[in-house]
């Protein structure tokens, strides 16, 4: 088993990527709104060092979506990547996002479709 994760740079493509993953055979996906260090630093100058949490991560922020799911094998990960690139283009291009897979030793409360 593997955890398939993606940090999607442009959240406007979220539904298209989710549909692509589903078409590739990926089951349930959890989505988290997220942001990265570069975006936070770019947004705040040094003179705003004491900005509050709500100001830093308020509704006006521009962030990412982080998607994750547990899958059976790397073949499904490859299919998800191919489907994602059909939506976004080559992931090696800037401002697309990243996808990676991590081995999962064990899960509880999860039944993977065969």
PDB file of N, CA and C in Angstrom:
ATOM      1  N   UNK A   1       0.831  -1.178   0.000  1.00  0.00           N
ATOM      2  CA  UNK A   1       0.000   0.000   0.000  1.00  0.00           C
ATOM      3  C   UNK A   1       0.880   1.248   0.000  1.00  0.00           C
ATOM      4  N   UNK A   2       0.308   2.313  -0.536  1.00  0.00           N
ATOM      5  CA  UNK A   2       1.021   3.584  -0.637  1.00  0.00           C
ATOM      6  C   UNK A   2       0.077   4.740  -0.318  1.00  0.00           C
ATOM      7  N   UNK A   3       0.634   5.793   0.244  1.00  0.00           N
ATOM      8  CA  UNK A   3      -0.106   7.033   0.358  1.00  0.00           C
ATOM      9  C   UNK A   3       0.287   7.875  -0.842  1.00  0.00           C
ATOM     10  N   UNK A   4      -0.693   8.226  -1.641  1.00  0.00           N
ATOM     11  CA  UNK A   4      -0.488   9.090  -2.790  1.00  0.00           C
ATOM     12  C   UNK A   4      -0.858  10.501  -2.362  1.00  0.00           C
ATOM     13  N   UNK A   5       0.073  11.431  -2.524  1.00  0.00           N
ATOM     14  CA  UNK A   5      -0.153  12.814  -2.115  1.00  0.00           C
ATOM     15  C   UNK A   5       0.144  13.746  -3.273  1.00  0.00           C
ATOM     16  N   UNK A   6      -0.643  14.808  -3.330  1.00  0.00           N
ATOM     17  CA  UNK A   6      -0.400  15.851  -4.315  1.00  0.00           C
ATOM     18  C   UNK A   6      -0.584  17.202  -3.655  1.00  0.00           C
ATOM     19  N   UNK A   7       0.343  18.106  -3.919  1.00  0.00           N
ATOM     20  CA  UNK A   7       0.160  19.513  -3.587  1.00  0.00           C
ATOM     21  C   UNK A   7      -0.177  20.190  -4.906  1.00  0.00           C
ATOM     22  N   UNK A   8      -1.421  20.600  -5.037  1.00  0.00           N
ATOM     23  CA  UNK A   8      -1.937  21.217  -6.258  1.00  0.00           C
ATOM     24  C   UNK A   8      -1.749  22.716  -6.168  1.00  0.00           C
ATOM     25  N   UNK A   9      -0.958  23.265  -7.058  1.00  0.00           N
ATOM     26  CA  UNK A   9      -0.616  24.677  -6.987  1.00  0.00           C
ATOM     27  C   UNK A   9      -1.807  25.586  -7.259  1.00  0.00           C
ATOM     28  N   UNK A  10      -2.558  25.324  -8.309  1.00  0.00           N
ATOM     29  CA  UNK A  10      -3.675  26.181  -8.697  1.00  0.00           C
ATOM     30  C   UNK A  10      -4.982  25.499  -8.305  1.00  0.00           C
ATOM     31  N   UNK A  11      -5.617  26.005  -7.256  1.00  0.00           N
ATOM     32  CA  UNK A  11      -6.829  25.372  -6.718  1.00  0.00           C
ATOM     33  C   UNK A  11      -8.001  25.426  -7.700  1.00  0.00           C
ATOM     34  N   UNK A  12      -7.922  26.237  -8.718  1.00  0.00           N
ATOM     35  CA  UNK A  12      -8.988  26.282  -9.724  1.00  0.00           C
ATOM     36  C   UNK A  12      -9.105  24.960 -10.476  1.00  0.00           C
ATOM     37  N   UNK A  13      -8.052  24.142 -10.438  1.00  0.00           N
ATOM     38  CA  UNK A  13      -8.055  22.854 -11.140  1.00  0.00           C
ATOM     39  C   UNK A  13      -8.462  21.686 -10.242  1.00  0.00           C
ATOM     40  N   UNK A  14      -8.882  21.970  -9.009  1.00  0.00           N
ATOM     41  CA  UNK A  14      -9.164  20.895  -8.052  1.00  0.00           C
ATOM     42  C   UNK A  14     -10.187  19.894  -8.586  1.00  0.00           C
ATOM     43  N   UNK A  15     -11.344  20.345  -9.023  1.00  0.00           N
ATOM     44  CA  UNK A  15     -12.381  19.414  -9.475  1.00  0.00           C
ATOM     45  C   UNK A  15     -11.925  18.594 -10.670  1.00  0.00           C
ATOM     46  N   UNK A  16     -11.187  19.218 -11.590  1.00  0.00           N
ATOM     47  CA  UNK A  16     -10.697  18.479 -12.758  1.00  0.00           C
ATOM     48  C   UNK A  16      -9.702  17.400 -12.346  1.00  0.00           C
ATOM     49  N   UNK A  17      -8.821  17.718 -11.400  1.00  0.00           N
ATOM     50  CA  UNK A  17      -7.849  16.726 -10.928  1.00  0.00           C
ATOM     51  C   UNK A  17      -8.568  15.602 -10.180  1.00  0.00           C
ATOM     52  N   UNK A  18      -9.527  15.938  -9.344  1.00  0.00           N
ATOM     53  CA  UNK A  18     -10.280  14.905  -8.625  1.00  0.00           C
ATOM     54  C   UNK A  18     -11.015  13.987  -9.593  1.00  0.00           C
ATOM     55  N   UNK A  19     -11.631  14.552 -10.616  1.00  0.00           N
ATOM     56  CA  UNK A  19     -12.306  13.733 -11.628  1.00  0.00           C
ATOM     57  C   UNK A  19     -11.318  12.848 -12.376  1.00  0.00           C
ATOM     58  N   UNK A  20     -10.133  13.385 -12.665  1.00  0.00           N
ATOM     59  CA  UNK A  20      -9.100  12.605 -13.354  1.00  0.00           C
ATOM     60  C   UNK A  20      -8.642  11.440 -12.489  1.00  0.00           C
ATOM     61  N   UNK A  21      -8.431  11.709 -11.186  1.00  0.00           N
ATOM     62  CA  UNK A  21      -8.013  10.631 -10.286  1.00  0.00           C
ATOM     63  C   UNK A  21      -9.099   9.562 -10.200  1.00  0.00           C
ATOM     64  N   UNK A  22     -10.345   9.991 -10.091  1.00  0.00           N
ATOM     65  CA  UNK A  22     -11.443   9.023  -9.999  1.00  0.00           C
ATOM     66  C   UNK A  22     -11.508   8.180 -11.267  1.00  0.00           C
ATOM     67  N   UNK A  23     -11.363   8.804 -12.424  1.00  0.00           N
ATOM     68  CA  UNK A  23     -11.362   8.070 -13.695  1.00  0.00           C
ATOM     69  C   UNK A  23     -10.191   7.097 -13.793  1.00  0.00           C
ATOM     70  N   UNK A  24      -9.074   7.439 -13.150  1.00  0.00           N
ATOM     71  CA  UNK A  24      -7.897   6.562 -13.152  1.00  0.00           C
ATOM     72  C   UNK A  24      -8.051   5.390 -12.184  1.00  0.00           C
ATOM     73  N   UNK A  25      -9.085   5.441 -11.317  1.00  0.00           N
ATOM     74  CA  UNK A  25      -9.317   4.339 -10.389  1.00  0.00           C
ATOM     75  C   UNK A  25      -9.031   4.657  -8.940  1.00  0.00           C
ATOM     76  N   UNK A  26      -8.685   5.899  -8.634  1.00  0.00           N
ATOM     77  CA  UNK A  26      -8.432   6.291  -7.248  1.00  0.00           C
ATOM     78  C   UNK A  26      -9.771   6.430  -6.548  1.00  0.00           C
ATOM     79  N   UNK A  27      -9.870   5.855  -5.357  1.00  0.00           N
ATOM     80  CA  UNK A  27     -11.101   5.931  -4.573  1.00  0.00           C
ATOM     81  C   UNK A  27     -11.213   7.249  -3.847  1.00  0.00           C
ATOM     82  N   UNK A  28     -11.527   7.206  -2.588  1.00  0.00           N
ATOM     83  CA  UNK A  28     -11.697   8.415  -1.789  1.00  0.00           C
ATOM     84  C   UNK A  28     -10.419   9.220  -1.669  1.00  0.00           C
ATOM     85  N   UNK A  29     -10.569  10.534  -1.675  1.00  0.00           N
ATOM     86  CA  UNK A  29      -9.442  11.456  -1.560  1.00  0.00           C
ATOM     87  C   UNK A  29      -9.788  12.473  -0.483  1.00  0.00           C
ATOM     88  N   UNK A  30      -8.843  12.742   0.394  1.00  0.00           N
ATOM     89  CA  UNK A  30      -9.004  13.799   1.389  1.00  0.00           C
ATOM     90  C   UNK A  30      -8.291  15.041   0.870  1.00  0.00           C
ATOM     91  N   UNK A  31      -8.932  16.190   1.047  1.00  0.00           N
ATOM     92  CA  UNK A  31      -8.394  17.452   0.541  1.00  0.00           C
ATOM     93  C   UNK A  31      -8.208  18.415   1.707  1.00  0.00           C
ATOM     94  N   UNK A  32      -7.032  19.002   1.786  1.00  0.00           N
ATOM     95  CA  UNK A  32      -6.715  19.991   2.816  1.00  0.00           C
ATOM     96  C   UNK A  32      -6.308  21.283   2.128  1.00  0.00           C
ATOM     97  N   UNK A  33      -6.827  22.413   2.603  1.00  0.00           N
ATOM     98  CA  UNK A  33      -6.324  23.694   2.129  1.00  0.00           C
ATOM     99  C   UNK A  33      -4.978  23.911   2.795  1.00  0.00           C
ATOM    100  N   UNK A  34      -3.993  24.303   2.001  1.00  0.00           N
ATOM    101  CA  UNK A  34      -2.638  24.432   2.526  1.00  0.00           C
ATOM    102  C   UNK A  34      -1.925  25.601   1.863  1.00  0.00           C
ATOM    103  N   UNK A  35      -0.813  25.969   2.427  1.00  0.00           N
ATOM    104  CA  UNK A  35       0.035  26.985   1.823  1.00  0.00           C
ATOM    105  C   UNK A  35       1.479  26.614   2.098  1.00  0.00           C
ATOM    106  N   UNK A  36       2.371  27.167   1.317  1.00  0.00           N
ATOM    107  CA  UNK A  36       3.783  26.837   1.451  1.00  0.00           C
ATOM    108  C   UNK A  36       4.607  28.005   1.942  1.00  0.00           C
ATOM    109  N   UNK A  37       5.791  27.700   2.361  1.00  0.00           N
ATOM    110  CA  UNK A  37       6.716  28.691   2.895  1.00  0.00           C
ATOM    111  C   UNK A  37       6.941  29.841   1.922  1.00  0.00           C
ATOM    112  N   UNK A  38       7.160  29.513   0.648  1.00  0.00           N
ATOM    113  CA  UNK A  38       7.451  30.549  -0.343  1.00  0.00           C
ATOM    114  C   UNK A  38       6.307  31.557  -0.448  1.00  0.00           C
ATOM    115  N   UNK A  39       5.081  31.059  -0.452  1.00  0.00           N
ATOM    116  CA  UNK A  39       3.939  31.967  -0.561  1.00  0.00           C
ATOM    117  C   UNK A  39       3.795  32.838   0.683  1.00  0.00           C
ATOM    118  N   UNK A  40       4.046  32.285   1.842  1.00  0.00           N
ATOM    119  CA  UNK A  40       3.945  33.073   3.073  1.00  0.00           C
ATOM    120  C   UNK A  40       5.017  34.155   3.087  1.00  0.00           C
ATOM    121  N   UNK A  41       6.250  33.781   2.764  1.00  0.00           N
ATOM    122  CA  UNK A  41       7.336  34.761   2.776  1.00  0.00           C
ATOM    123  C   UNK A  41       7.160  35.828   1.707  1.00  0.00           C
ATOM    124  N   UNK A  42       6.673  35.431   0.554  1.00  0.00           N
ATOM    125  CA  UNK A  42       6.450  36.387  -0.527  1.00  0.00           C
ATOM    126  C   UNK A  42       5.354  37.376  -0.150  1.00  0.00           C
ATOM    127  N   UNK A  43       4.376  36.910   0.603  1.00  0.00           N
ATOM    128  CA  UNK A  43       3.233  37.725   0.979  1.00  0.00           C
ATOM    129  C   UNK A  43       3.557  38.706   2.097  1.00  0.00           C
ATOM    130  N   UNK A  44       4.495  38.360   2.944  1.00  0.00           N
ATOM    131  CA  UNK A  44       4.775  39.174   4.125  1.00  0.00           C
ATOM    132  C   UNK A  44       6.211  39.674   4.110  1.00  0.00           C
ATOM    133  N   UNK A  45       6.368  40.957   4.211  1.00  0.00           N
ATOM    134  CA  UNK A  45       7.714  41.521   4.263  1.00  0.00           C
ATOM    135  C   UNK A  45       8.256  41.427   5.681  1.00  0.00           C
ATOM    136  N   UNK A  46       9.531  41.706   5.834  1.00  0.00           N
ATOM    137  CA  UNK A  46      10.181  41.608   7.147  1.00  0.00           C
ATOM    138  C   UNK A  46       9.541  42.526   8.168  1.00  0.00           C
ATOM    139  N   UNK A  47       8.988  43.653   7.755  1.00  0.00           N
ATOM    140  CA  UNK A  47       8.387  44.574   8.728  1.00  0.00           C
ATOM    141  C   UNK A  47       7.041  44.086   9.230  1.00  0.00           C
ATOM    142  N   UNK A  48       6.539  42.948   8.714  1.00  0.00           N
ATOM    143  CA  UNK A  48       5.287  42.380   9.188  1.00  0.00           C
ATOM    144  C   UNK A  48       5.540  41.120  10.010  1.00  0.00           C
ATOM    145  N   UNK A  49       6.672  41.066  10.670  1.00  0.00           N
ATOM    146  CA  UNK A  49       7.078  39.864  11.396  1.00  0.00           C
ATOM    147  C   UNK A  49       6.105  39.461  12.491  1.00  0.00           C
ATOM    148  N   UNK A  50       5.326  40.393  12.996  1.00  0.00           N
ATOM    149  CA  UNK A  50       4.430  40.074  14.108  1.00  0.00           C
ATOM    150  C   UNK A  50       2.972  40.018  13.690  1.00  0.00           C
ATOM    151  N   UNK A  51       2.735  39.724  12.435  1.00  0.00           N
ATOM    152  CA  UNK A  51       1.371  39.587  11.943  1.00  0.00           C
ATOM    153  C   UNK A  51       0.695  38.410  12.649  1.00  0.00           C
ATOM    154  N   UNK A  52      -0.581  38.526  12.948  1.00  0.00           N
ATOM    155  CA  UNK A  52      -1.301  37.463  13.640  1.00  0.00           C
ATOM    156  C   UNK A  52      -1.638  36.295  12.739  1.00  0.00           C
ATOM    157  N   UNK A  53      -1.928  35.161  13.333  1.00  0.00           N
ATOM    158  CA  UNK A  53      -2.238  33.937  12.594  1.00  0.00           C
ATOM    159  C   UNK A  53      -3.431  34.151  11.666  1.00  0.00           C
ATOM    160  N   UNK A  54      -4.483  34.791  12.161  1.00  0.00           N
ATOM    161  CA  UNK A  54      -5.669  34.976  11.328  1.00  0.00           C
ATOM    162  C   UNK A  54      -5.389  35.891  10.149  1.00  0.00           C
ATOM    163  N   UNK A  55      -4.505  36.865  10.314  1.00  0.00           N
ATOM    164  CA  UNK A  55      -4.161  37.736   9.196  1.00  0.00           C
ATOM    165  C   UNK A  55      -3.311  36.979   8.181  1.00  0.00           C
ATOM    166  N   UNK A  56      -2.419  36.133   8.687  1.00  0.00           N
ATOM    167  CA  UNK A  56      -1.511  35.404   7.806  1.00  0.00           C
ATOM    168  C   UNK A  56      -2.257  34.361   6.983  1.00  0.00           C
ATOM    169  N   UNK A  57      -3.229  33.693   7.589  1.00  0.00           N
ATOM    170  CA  UNK A  57      -3.917  32.598   6.918  1.00  0.00           C
ATOM    171  C   UNK A  57      -5.399  32.884   6.738  1.00  0.00           C
ATOM    172  N   UNK A  58      -5.770  34.132   6.628  1.00  0.00           N
ATOM    173  CA  UNK A  58      -7.164  34.523   6.483  1.00  0.00           C
ATOM    174  C   UNK A  58      -7.724  34.190   5.121  1.00  0.00           C
ATOM    175  N   UNK A  59      -8.948  34.599   4.900  1.00  0.00           N
ATOM    176  CA  UNK A  59      -9.650  34.229   3.679  1.00  0.00           C
ATOM    177  C   UNK A  59      -9.043  34.842   2.422  1.00  0.00           C
ATOM    178  N   UNK A  60      -8.242  35.878   2.562  1.00  0.00           N
ATOM    179  CA  UNK A  60      -7.648  36.512   1.384  1.00  0.00           C
ATOM    180  C   UNK A  60      -6.402  35.783   0.893  1.00  0.00           C
ATOM    181  N   UNK A  61      -5.978  34.748   1.568  1.00  0.00           N
ATOM    182  CA  UNK A  61      -4.741  34.079   1.188  1.00  0.00           C
ATOM    183  C   UNK A  61      -4.910  33.325  -0.121  1.00  0.00           C
ATOM    184  N   UNK A  62      -3.798  33.163  -0.792  1.00  0.00           N
ATOM    185  CA  UNK A  62      -3.759  32.341  -1.990  1.00  0.00           C
ATOM    186  C   UNK A  62      -2.929  31.124  -1.623  1.00  0.00           C
ATOM    187  N   UNK A  63      -3.519  29.971  -1.689  1.00  0.00           N
ATOM    188  CA  UNK A  63      -2.812  28.774  -1.246  1.00  0.00           C
ATOM    189  C   UNK A  63      -2.915  27.641  -2.236  1.00  0.00           C
ATOM    190  N   UNK A  64      -2.744  26.453  -1.688  1.00  0.00           N
ATOM    191  CA  UNK A  64      -2.768  25.216  -2.449  1.00  0.00           C
ATOM    192  C   UNK A  64      -3.898  24.336  -1.918  1.00  0.00           C
ATOM    193  N   UNK A  65      -4.090  23.220  -2.598  1.00  0.00           N
ATOM    194  CA  UNK A  65      -4.843  22.108  -2.048  1.00  0.00           C
ATOM    195  C   UNK A  65      -3.880  20.944  -1.938  1.00  0.00           C
ATOM    196  N   UNK A  66      -3.903  20.265  -0.802  1.00  0.00           N
ATOM    197  CA  UNK A  66      -3.134  19.047  -0.640  1.00  0.00           C
ATOM    198  C   UNK A  66      -4.124  17.885  -0.657  1.00  0.00           C
ATOM    199  N   UNK A  67      -3.916  16.956  -1.574  1.00  0.00           N
ATOM    200  CA  UNK A  67      -4.780  15.795  -1.743  1.00  0.00           C
ATOM    201  C   UNK A  67      -4.021  14.574  -1.256  1.00  0.00           C
ATOM    202  N   UNK A  68      -4.721  13.674  -0.542  1.00  0.00           N
ATOM    203  CA  UNK A  68      -4.067  12.426  -0.196  1.00  0.00           C
ATOM    204  C   UNK A  68      -5.061  11.288  -0.116  1.00  0.00           C
ATOM    205  N   UNK A  69      -4.545  10.095  -0.409  1.00  0.00           N
ATOM    206  CA  UNK A  69      -5.335   8.883  -0.398  1.00  0.00           C
ATOM    207  C   UNK A  69      -4.394   7.697  -0.223  1.00  0.00           C
ATOM    208  N   UNK A  70      -4.937   6.565   0.179  1.00  0.00           N
ATOM    209  CA  UNK A  70      -4.161   5.322   0.265  1.00  0.00           C
ATOM    210  C   UNK A  70      -4.583   4.441  -0.896  1.00  0.00           C
ATOM    211  N   UNK A  71      -3.590   3.940  -1.614  1.00  0.00           N
ATOM    212  CA  UNK A  71      -3.837   3.114  -2.798  1.00  0.00           C
ATOM    213  C   UNK A  71      -3.104   1.782  -2.659  1.00  0.00           C
ATOM    214  N   UNK A  72      -3.508   0.818  -3.488  1.00  0.00           N
ATOM    215  CA  UNK A  72      -2.937  -0.528  -3.420  1.00  0.00           C
ATOM    216  C   UNK A  72      -1.509  -0.625  -3.950  1.00  0.00           C
ATOM    217  N   UNK A  73      -1.244   0.027  -5.089  1.00  0.00           N
ATOM    218  CA  UNK A  73       0.050  -0.198  -5.736  1.00  0.00           C
ATOM    219  C   UNK A  73       0.502   1.018  -6.531  1.00  0.00           C
ATOM    220  N   UNK A  74       1.752   0.953  -6.963  1.00  0.00           N
ATOM    221  CA  UNK A  74       2.331   2.072  -7.704  1.00  0.00           C
ATOM    222  C   UNK A  74       1.786   2.187  -9.123  1.00  0.00           C
ATOM    223  N   UNK A  75       1.203   1.127  -9.666  1.00  0.00           N
ATOM    224  CA  UNK A  75       0.580   1.228 -10.981  1.00  0.00           C
ATOM    225  C   UNK A  75      -0.566   2.235 -10.948  1.00  0.00           C
ATOM    226  N   UNK A  76      -1.340   2.226  -9.868  1.00  0.00           N
ATOM    227  CA  UNK A  76      -2.420   3.191  -9.724  1.00  0.00           C
ATOM    228  C   UNK A  76      -1.867   4.603  -9.548  1.00  0.00           C
ATOM    229  N   UNK A  77      -0.747   4.739  -8.844  1.00  0.00           N
ATOM    230  CA  UNK A  77      -0.101   6.047  -8.712  1.00  0.00           C
ATOM    231  C   UNK A  77       0.316   6.570 -10.087  1.00  0.00           C
ATOM    232  N   UNK A  78       0.917   5.707 -10.897  1.00  0.00           N
ATOM    233  CA  UNK A  78       1.324   6.109 -12.247  1.00  0.00           C
ATOM    234  C   UNK A  78       0.117   6.533 -13.086  1.00  0.00           C
ATOM    235  N   UNK A  79      -0.994   5.795 -12.949  1.00  0.00           N
ATOM    236  CA  UNK A  79      -2.212   6.149 -13.685  1.00  0.00           C
ATOM    237  C   UNK A  79      -2.749   7.501 -13.229  1.00  0.00           C
ATOM    238  N   UNK A  80      -2.688   7.766 -11.934  1.00  0.00           N
ATOM    239  CA  UNK A  80      -3.150   9.053 -11.398  1.00  0.00           C
ATOM    240  C   UNK A  80      -2.265  10.197 -11.894  1.00  0.00           C
ATOM    241  N   UNK A  81      -0.971   9.972 -11.944  1.00  0.00           N
ATOM    242  CA  UNK A  81      -0.047  11.000 -12.454  1.00  0.00           C
ATOM    243  C   UNK A  81      -0.344  11.284 -13.920  1.00  0.00           C
ATOM    244  N   UNK A  82      -0.518  10.243 -14.703  1.00  0.00           N
ATOM    245  CA  UNK A  82      -0.819  10.425 -16.128  1.00  0.00           C
ATOM    246  C   UNK A  82      -2.132  11.192 -16.306  1.00  0.00           C
ATOM    247  N   UNK A  83      -3.137  10.849 -15.526  1.00  0.00           N
ATOM    248  CA  UNK A  83      -4.428  11.542 -15.598  1.00  0.00           C
ATOM    249  C   UNK A  83      -4.295  12.999 -15.157  1.00  0.00           C
ATOM    250  N   UNK A  84      -3.472  13.237 -14.144  1.00  0.00           N
ATOM    251  CA  UNK A  84      -3.247  14.604 -13.665  1.00  0.00           C
ATOM    252  C   UNK A  84      -2.555  15.436 -14.724  1.00  0.00           C
ATOM    253  N   UNK A  85      -1.551  14.861 -15.380  1.00  0.00           N
ATOM    254  CA  UNK A  85      -0.839  15.593 -16.425  1.00  0.00           C
ATOM    255  C   UNK A  85      -1.725  15.844 -17.648  1.00  0.00           C
ATOM    256  N   UNK A  86      -2.739  15.003 -17.858  1.00  0.00           N
ATOM    257  CA  UNK A  86      -3.695  15.270 -18.935  1.00  0.00           C
ATOM    258  C   UNK A  86      -4.506  16.532 -18.631  1.00  0.00           C
ATOM    259  N   UNK A  87      -4.675  16.834 -17.365  1.00  0.00           N
ATOM    260  CA  UNK A  87      -5.403  18.038 -16.943  1.00  0.00           C
ATOM    261  C   UNK A  87      -4.475  19.247 -16.869  1.00  0.00           C
ATOM    262  N   UNK A  88      -3.328  19.081 -16.203  1.00  0.00           N
ATOM    263  CA  UNK A  88      -2.459  20.211 -15.877  1.00  0.00           C
ATOM    264  C   UNK A  88      -1.306  20.428 -16.842  1.00  0.00           C
ATOM    265  N   UNK A  89      -0.962  19.420 -17.586  1.00  0.00           N
ATOM    266  CA  UNK A  89       0.257  19.463 -18.384  1.00  0.00           C
ATOM    267  C   UNK A  89       1.401  18.848 -17.595  1.00  0.00           C
ATOM    268  N   UNK A  90       2.588  18.946 -18.117  1.00  0.00           N
ATOM    269  CA  UNK A  90       3.793  18.352 -17.537  1.00  0.00           C
ATOM    270  C   UNK A  90       4.047  18.884 -16.127  1.00  0.00           C
ATOM    271  N   UNK A  91       4.099  17.996 -15.154  1.00  0.00           N
ATOM    272  CA  UNK A  91       4.305  18.401 -13.758  1.00  0.00           C
ATOM    273  C   UNK A  91       5.698  18.952 -13.492  1.00  0.00           C
ATOM    274  N   UNK A  92       6.619  18.773 -14.433  1.00  0.00           N
ATOM    275  CA  UNK A  92       7.940  19.367 -14.230  1.00  0.00           C
ATOM    276  C   UNK A  92       7.941  20.865 -14.552  1.00  0.00           C
ATOM    277  N   UNK A  93       6.868  21.346 -15.158  1.00  0.00           N
ATOM    278  CA  UNK A  93       6.733  22.776 -15.430  1.00  0.00           C
ATOM    279  C   UNK A  93       6.422  23.504 -14.121  1.00  0.00           C
ATOM    280  N   UNK A  94       6.818  24.772 -14.009  1.00  0.00           N
ATOM    281  CA  UNK A  94       6.548  25.534 -12.787  1.00  0.00           C
ATOM    282  C   UNK A  94       5.057  25.723 -12.536  1.00  0.00           C
ATOM    283  N   UNK A  95       4.716  25.859 -11.268  1.00  0.00           N
ATOM    284  CA  UNK A  95       3.363  26.218 -10.824  1.00  0.00           C
ATOM    285  C   UNK A  95       2.295  25.195 -11.188  1.00  0.00           C
ATOM    286  N   UNK A  96       2.663  23.942 -11.239  1.00  0.00           N
ATOM    287  CA  UNK A  96       1.698  22.861 -11.480  1.00  0.00           C
ATOM    288  C   UNK A  96       1.366  22.167 -10.163  1.00  0.00           C
ATOM    289  N   UNK A  97       2.415  21.796  -9.432  1.00  0.00           N
ATOM    290  CA  UNK A  97       2.260  21.040  -8.201  1.00  0.00           C
ATOM    291  C   UNK A  97       3.219  19.867  -8.201  1.00  0.00           C
ATOM    292  N   UNK A  98       3.113  19.077  -7.161  1.00  0.00           N
ATOM    293  CA  UNK A  98       3.939  17.871  -7.061  1.00  0.00           C
ATOM    294  C   UNK A  98       3.058  16.706  -6.619  1.00  0.00           C
ATOM    295  N   UNK A  99       3.449  15.523  -7.027  1.00  0.00           N
ATOM    296  CA  UNK A  99       2.795  14.290  -6.596  1.00  0.00           C
ATOM    297  C   UNK A  99       3.881  13.348  -6.124  1.00  0.00           C
ATOM    298  N   UNK A 100       3.610  12.661  -5.029  1.00  0.00           N
ATOM    299  CA  UNK A 100       4.546  11.644  -4.561  1.00  0.00           C
ATOM    300  C   UNK A 100       3.790  10.532  -3.859  1.00  0.00           C
ATOM    301  N   UNK A 101       4.440   9.387  -3.768  1.00  0.00           N
ATOM    302  CA  UNK A 101       3.858   8.222  -3.112  1.00  0.00           C
ATOM    303  C   UNK A 101       4.807   7.754  -2.015  1.00  0.00           C
ATOM    304  N   UNK A 102       4.229   7.402  -0.874  1.00  0.00           N
ATOM    305  CA  UNK A 102       4.988   6.918   0.279  1.00  0.00           C
ATOM    306  C   UNK A 102       4.487   5.535   0.675  1.00  0.00           C
ATOM    307  N   UNK A 103       5.382   4.640   1.045  1.00  0.00           N
ATOM    308  CA  UNK A 103       4.927   3.331   1.506  1.00  0.00           C
ATOM    309  C   UNK A 103       4.108   3.467   2.794  1.00  0.00           C
ATOM    310  N   UNK A 104       3.065   2.670   2.906  1.00  0.00           N
ATOM    311  CA  UNK A 104       2.226   2.628   4.107  1.00  0.00           C
ATOM    312  C   UNK A 104       2.378   1.234   4.708  1.00  0.00           C
ATOM    313  N   UNK A 105       2.820   1.178   5.949  1.00  0.00           N
ATOM    314  CA  UNK A 105       3.050  -0.111   6.600  1.00  0.00           C
ATOM    315  C   UNK A 105       1.750  -0.822   6.969  1.00  0.00           C
ATOM    316  N   UNK A 106       0.761  -0.056   7.424  1.00  0.00           N
ATOM    317  CA  UNK A 106      -0.484  -0.666   7.872  1.00  0.00           C
ATOM    318  C   UNK A 106      -1.558   0.402   7.922  1.00  0.00           C
ATOM    319  N   UNK A 107      -2.808  -0.009   7.721  1.00  0.00           N
ATOM    320  CA  UNK A 107      -3.937   0.906   7.882  1.00  0.00           C
ATOM    321  C   UNK A 107      -4.962   0.274   8.820  1.00  0.00           C
ATOM    322  N   UNK A 108      -5.739   1.118   9.446  1.00  0.00           N
ATOM    323  CA  UNK A 108      -6.870   0.696  10.273  1.00  0.00           C
ATOM    324  C   UNK A 108      -8.091   1.448   9.771  1.00  0.00           C
ATOM    325  N   UNK A 109      -9.217   0.781   9.678  1.00  0.00           N
ATOM    326  CA  UNK A 109     -10.447   1.440   9.265  1.00  0.00           C
ATOM    327  C   UNK A 109     -10.525   1.727   7.787  1.00  0.00           C
ATOM    328  N   UNK A 110      -9.773   1.010   6.987  1.00  0.00           N
ATOM    329  CA  UNK A 110      -9.754   1.254   5.544  1.00  0.00           C
ATOM    330  C   UNK A 110      -9.827  -0.077   4.815  1.00  0.00           C
ATOM    331  N   UNK A 111     -10.748  -0.167   3.872  1.00  0.00           N
ATOM    332  CA  UNK A 111     -10.825  -1.315   2.990  1.00  0.00           C
ATOM    333  C   UNK A 111     -10.612  -0.826   1.572  1.00  0.00           C
ATOM    334  N   UNK A 112      -9.548  -1.286   0.950  1.00  0.00           N
ATOM    335  CA  UNK A 112      -9.251  -0.859  -0.416  1.00  0.00           C
ATOM    336  C   UNK A 112      -9.992  -1.740  -1.407  1.00  0.00           C
ATOM    337  N   UNK A 113     -10.523  -1.117  -2.446  1.00  0.00           N
ATOM    338  CA  UNK A 113     -11.234  -1.860  -3.496  1.00  0.00           C
ATOM    339  C   UNK A 113     -10.234  -2.687  -4.300  1.00  0.00           C
ATOM    340  N   UNK A 114     -10.627  -3.841  -4.660  1.00  0.00           N
ATOM    341  CA  UNK A 114      -9.775  -4.719  -5.477  1.00  0.00           C
ATOM    342  C   UNK A 114     -10.279  -4.750  -6.888  1.00  0.00           C
TER     343      UNK A 114
END
